[in-house]
């Protein structure tokens, strides 16, 4: 295993900052779409990409910070929903990055497996966070709330994520920036 250089750390940190900025700005673009803008889950896509490209540590950090920073800057997402979303996105970035990073072969199958398991794990973490937060306020957390918040309203976003993220990863693979095959060396875009 080769050790990372300072240049690799700087590149990864820069990419993570780029994904954080995308996660902060992308909801403005989707908010313009009537009735389905918020259902597209625009902050999830950069967090998942960050976990896949930068690794699980950066994906978890960007996922946790993003909703809290967005609330501090723009008062969205509203609290306490933003706290549950911070834990959910943290789980997304960590799970997808860990599973994809540990995959023996970087292929579309391992990408979909990592995405699906991260989506399930993130929703379980979201439910646990909501149970704790609603329990602290004395409100019950029911299956209807879970199904509505985690599944039914999220279907357009899930479809978008399962379509767009593999397309982006394949495009990055074809540009030789993110390898799907461990035998193919990564092209250094900064040292051409």
Protein backbone atom coordinates (compact mmCIF):
# COMPACT_ATOMS: atom_id res chain seq x y z
CA UNK A 1 0.00 0.00 0.00
CA UNK A 2 1.46 3.34 -0.96
CA UNK A 3 1.48 6.15 1.53
CA UNK A 4 -0.28 9.39 0.79
CA UNK A 5 1.72 12.47 0.06
CA UNK A 6 0.94 16.00 1.16
CA UNK A 7 -0.29 16.65 -2.37
CA UNK A 8 -2.82 13.79 -2.04
CA UNK A 9 -4.11 15.20 1.25
CA UNK A 10 -4.44 18.69 -0.20
CA UNK A 11 -6.27 17.33 -3.26
CA UNK A 12 -8.65 15.29 -1.11
CA UNK A 13 -9.32 18.21 1.23
CA UNK A 14 -9.96 20.49 -1.75
CA UNK A 15 -12.39 18.01 -3.27
CA UNK A 16 -14.19 17.64 0.07
CA UNK A 17 -14.53 21.43 0.28
CA UNK A 18 -15.90 21.45 -3.26
CA UNK A 19 -18.50 18.82 -2.34
CA UNK A 20 -19.46 20.81 0.77
CA UNK A 21 -19.93 23.94 -1.36
CA UNK A 22 -22.05 21.97 -3.85
CA UNK A 23 -24.18 20.62 -1.03
CA UNK A 24 -24.77 24.15 0.24
CA UNK A 25 -25.66 25.62 -3.18
CA UNK A 26 -27.46 22.77 -4.98
CA UNK A 27 -30.72 23.13 -2.96
CA UNK A 28 -31.13 26.63 -4.45
CA UNK A 29 -31.23 25.15 -7.95
CA UNK A 30 -33.74 22.42 -7.13
CA UNK A 31 -35.97 24.76 -5.09
CA UNK A 32 -36.95 26.40 -8.38
CA UNK A 33 -38.68 23.19 -9.53
CA UNK A 34 -42.32 23.39 -8.35
CA UNK A 35 -43.65 20.65 -6.06
CA UNK A 36 -40.68 18.28 -6.40
CA UNK A 37 -37.64 20.50 -5.76
CA UNK A 38 -37.18 19.49 -2.11
CA UNK A 39 -38.09 15.88 -2.86
CA UNK A 40 -34.97 15.52 -5.04
CA UNK A 41 -32.76 15.53 -1.92
CA UNK A 42 -30.12 17.84 -3.41
CA UNK A 43 -27.71 17.79 -0.45
CA UNK A 44 -27.44 14.00 -0.55
CA UNK A 45 -25.76 13.78 -3.97
CA UNK A 46 -22.58 15.76 -3.12
CA UNK A 47 -22.27 13.95 0.22
CA UNK A 48 -22.50 10.54 -1.45
CA UNK A 49 -19.99 11.59 -4.12
CA UNK A 50 -17.66 12.90 -1.42
CA UNK A 51 -17.78 9.55 0.38
CA UNK A 52 -17.12 7.68 -2.87
CA UNK A 53 -14.29 9.88 -4.14
CA UNK A 54 -12.64 11.27 -1.00
CA UNK A 55 -13.23 8.40 1.43
CA UNK A 56 -15.52 7.63 4.32
CA UNK A 57 -13.91 10.08 6.78
CA UNK A 58 -14.42 13.07 4.51
CA UNK A 59 -17.88 11.88 3.47
CA UNK A 60 -18.95 11.61 7.11
CA UNK A 61 -17.56 15.03 7.99
CA UNK A 62 -19.06 16.81 4.98
CA UNK A 63 -22.38 15.04 5.58
CA UNK A 64 -22.56 16.09 9.22
CA UNK A 65 -21.41 19.68 8.72
CA UNK A 66 -23.50 20.46 5.63
CA UNK A 67 -27.04 20.74 7.12
CA UNK A 68 -25.77 22.58 10.21
CA UNK A 69 -23.74 25.06 8.15
CA UNK A 70 -26.63 25.53 5.73
CA UNK A 71 -28.92 26.31 8.67
CA UNK A 72 -26.39 28.79 10.09
CA UNK A 73 -26.09 30.55 6.72
CA UNK A 74 -29.60 30.31 5.24
CA UNK A 75 -31.94 29.11 8.06
CA UNK A 76 -32.61 25.94 6.07
CA UNK A 77 -33.22 23.09 6.79
CA UNK A 78 -35.29 24.10 9.80
CA UNK A 79 -34.25 22.80 13.20
CA UNK A 80 -34.66 20.22 14.72
CA UNK A 81 -35.10 18.41 11.36
CA UNK A 82 -31.63 19.65 10.38
CA UNK A 83 -30.04 17.79 13.29
CA UNK A 84 -31.61 14.51 12.18
CA UNK A 85 -30.50 15.27 8.64
CA UNK A 86 -26.92 15.91 9.84
CA UNK A 87 -26.76 12.43 11.35
CA UNK A 88 -28.40 10.92 8.27
CA UNK A 89 -25.98 12.55 5.82
CA UNK A 90 -23.04 11.68 8.07
CA UNK A 91 -24.10 8.03 7.88
CA UNK A 92 -24.52 8.28 4.08
CA UNK A 93 -21.03 9.62 3.54
CA UNK A 94 -19.41 7.20 5.99
CA UNK A 95 -21.21 4.06 4.84
CA UNK A 96 -20.90 4.63 1.09
CA UNK A 97 -17.24 5.61 1.38
CA UNK A 98 -16.34 2.70 3.65
CA UNK A 99 -18.13 0.04 1.61
CA UNK A 100 -16.95 1.30 -1.76
CA UNK A 101 -13.40 1.81 -0.48
CA UNK A 102 -13.29 -1.77 0.81
CA UNK A 103 -14.75 -3.27 -2.38
CA UNK A 104 -12.44 -5.71 -4.04
CA UNK A 105 -13.37 -4.45 -7.49
CA UNK A 106 -14.42 -0.93 -8.27
CA UNK A 107 -17.32 -1.62 -10.61
CA UNK A 108 -20.92 -0.54 -11.13
CA UNK A 109 -22.18 -3.48 -9.05
CA UNK A 110 -20.10 -2.49 -6.01
CA UNK A 111 -21.15 1.13 -6.54
CA UNK A 112 -24.87 0.24 -6.48
CA UNK A 113 -24.38 -2.09 -3.51
CA UNK A 114 -22.61 0.67 -1.59
CA UNK A 115 -25.26 3.26 -2.51
CA UNK A 116 -28.20 1.06 -1.54
CA UNK A 117 -26.69 0.00 1.78
CA UNK A 118 -25.78 3.62 2.56
CA UNK A 119 -29.35 4.73 1.80
CA UNK A 120 -30.76 2.08 4.12
CA UNK A 121 -28.22 2.81 6.85
CA UNK A 122 -28.72 6.57 6.58
CA UNK A 123 -32.47 6.24 6.94
CA UNK A 124 -32.06 4.00 10.00
CA UNK A 125 -29.73 6.58 11.56
CA UNK A 126 -32.21 9.34 10.66
CA UNK A 127 -35.00 7.39 12.38
CA UNK A 128 -32.88 6.84 15.49
CA UNK A 129 -32.01 10.54 15.66
CA UNK A 130 -35.67 11.50 15.22
CA UNK A 131 -36.74 9.05 17.94
CA UNK A 132 -34.26 10.61 20.37
CA UNK A 133 -35.22 14.18 19.43
CA UNK A 134 -38.97 13.53 19.52
CA UNK A 135 -38.62 11.58 22.76
CA UNK A 136 -36.90 14.58 24.34
CA UNK A 137 -39.89 16.77 23.39
CA UNK A 138 -42.43 14.16 24.46
CA UNK A 139 -43.82 13.55 20.97
CA UNK A 140 -44.21 9.99 19.69
CA UNK A 141 -42.33 8.73 16.62
CA UNK A 142 -44.59 6.43 14.62
CA UNK A 143 -44.19 4.18 11.58
CA UNK A 144 -46.24 6.67 9.59
CA UNK A 145 -43.69 9.39 10.29
CA UNK A 146 -40.84 7.06 9.33
CA UNK A 147 -42.48 5.86 6.11
CA UNK A 148 -43.47 9.37 5.12
CA UNK A 149 -40.16 11.06 5.97
CA UNK A 150 -37.71 8.34 4.98
CA UNK A 151 -39.36 6.56 2.08
CA UNK A 152 -42.46 7.98 0.43
CA UNK A 153 -41.34 11.59 0.07
CA UNK A 154 -37.79 10.48 -0.77
CA UNK A 155 -38.63 8.32 -3.82
CA UNK A 156 -37.80 11.03 -6.43
CA UNK A 157 -34.47 11.71 -4.70
CA UNK A 158 -33.63 8.02 -4.45
CA UNK A 159 -34.31 7.56 -8.16
CA UNK A 160 -32.18 10.62 -8.98
CA UNK A 161 -29.30 9.39 -6.80
CA UNK A 162 -29.36 5.86 -8.24
CA UNK A 163 -29.33 7.33 -11.76
CA UNK A 164 -27.03 10.34 -11.51
CA UNK A 165 -24.27 9.10 -9.20
CA UNK A 166 -23.32 6.03 -11.31
CA UNK A 167 -23.33 8.21 -14.44
CA UNK A 168 -20.95 10.68 -12.77
CA UNK A 169 -18.70 7.90 -11.49
CA UNK A 170 -18.55 6.20 -14.91
CA UNK A 171 -17.76 9.56 -16.55
CA UNK A 172 -14.96 10.14 -14.04
CA UNK A 173 -13.72 6.60 -14.70
CA UNK A 174 -13.66 7.19 -18.46
CA UNK A 175 -11.71 10.39 -17.87
CA UNK A 176 -9.35 8.24 -15.75
CA UNK A 177 -9.88 10.46 -12.70
CA UNK A 178 -11.58 7.84 -10.48
CA UNK A 179 -10.73 4.24 -11.34
CA UNK A 180 -13.32 1.45 -11.32
CA UNK A 181 -10.54 -1.08 -11.81
CA UNK A 182 -7.70 -1.43 -9.34
CA UNK A 183 -5.35 -2.26 -12.19
CA UNK A 184 -5.87 1.05 -13.96
CA UNK A 185 -3.73 3.85 -12.52
CA UNK A 186 -5.40 7.12 -11.63
CA UNK A 187 -4.57 10.06 -13.87
CA UNK A 188 -3.27 13.06 -12.02
CA UNK A 189 -5.32 15.99 -13.37
CA UNK A 190 -3.13 18.52 -11.56
CA UNK A 191 0.14 17.25 -13.00
CA UNK A 192 -0.56 16.96 -16.74
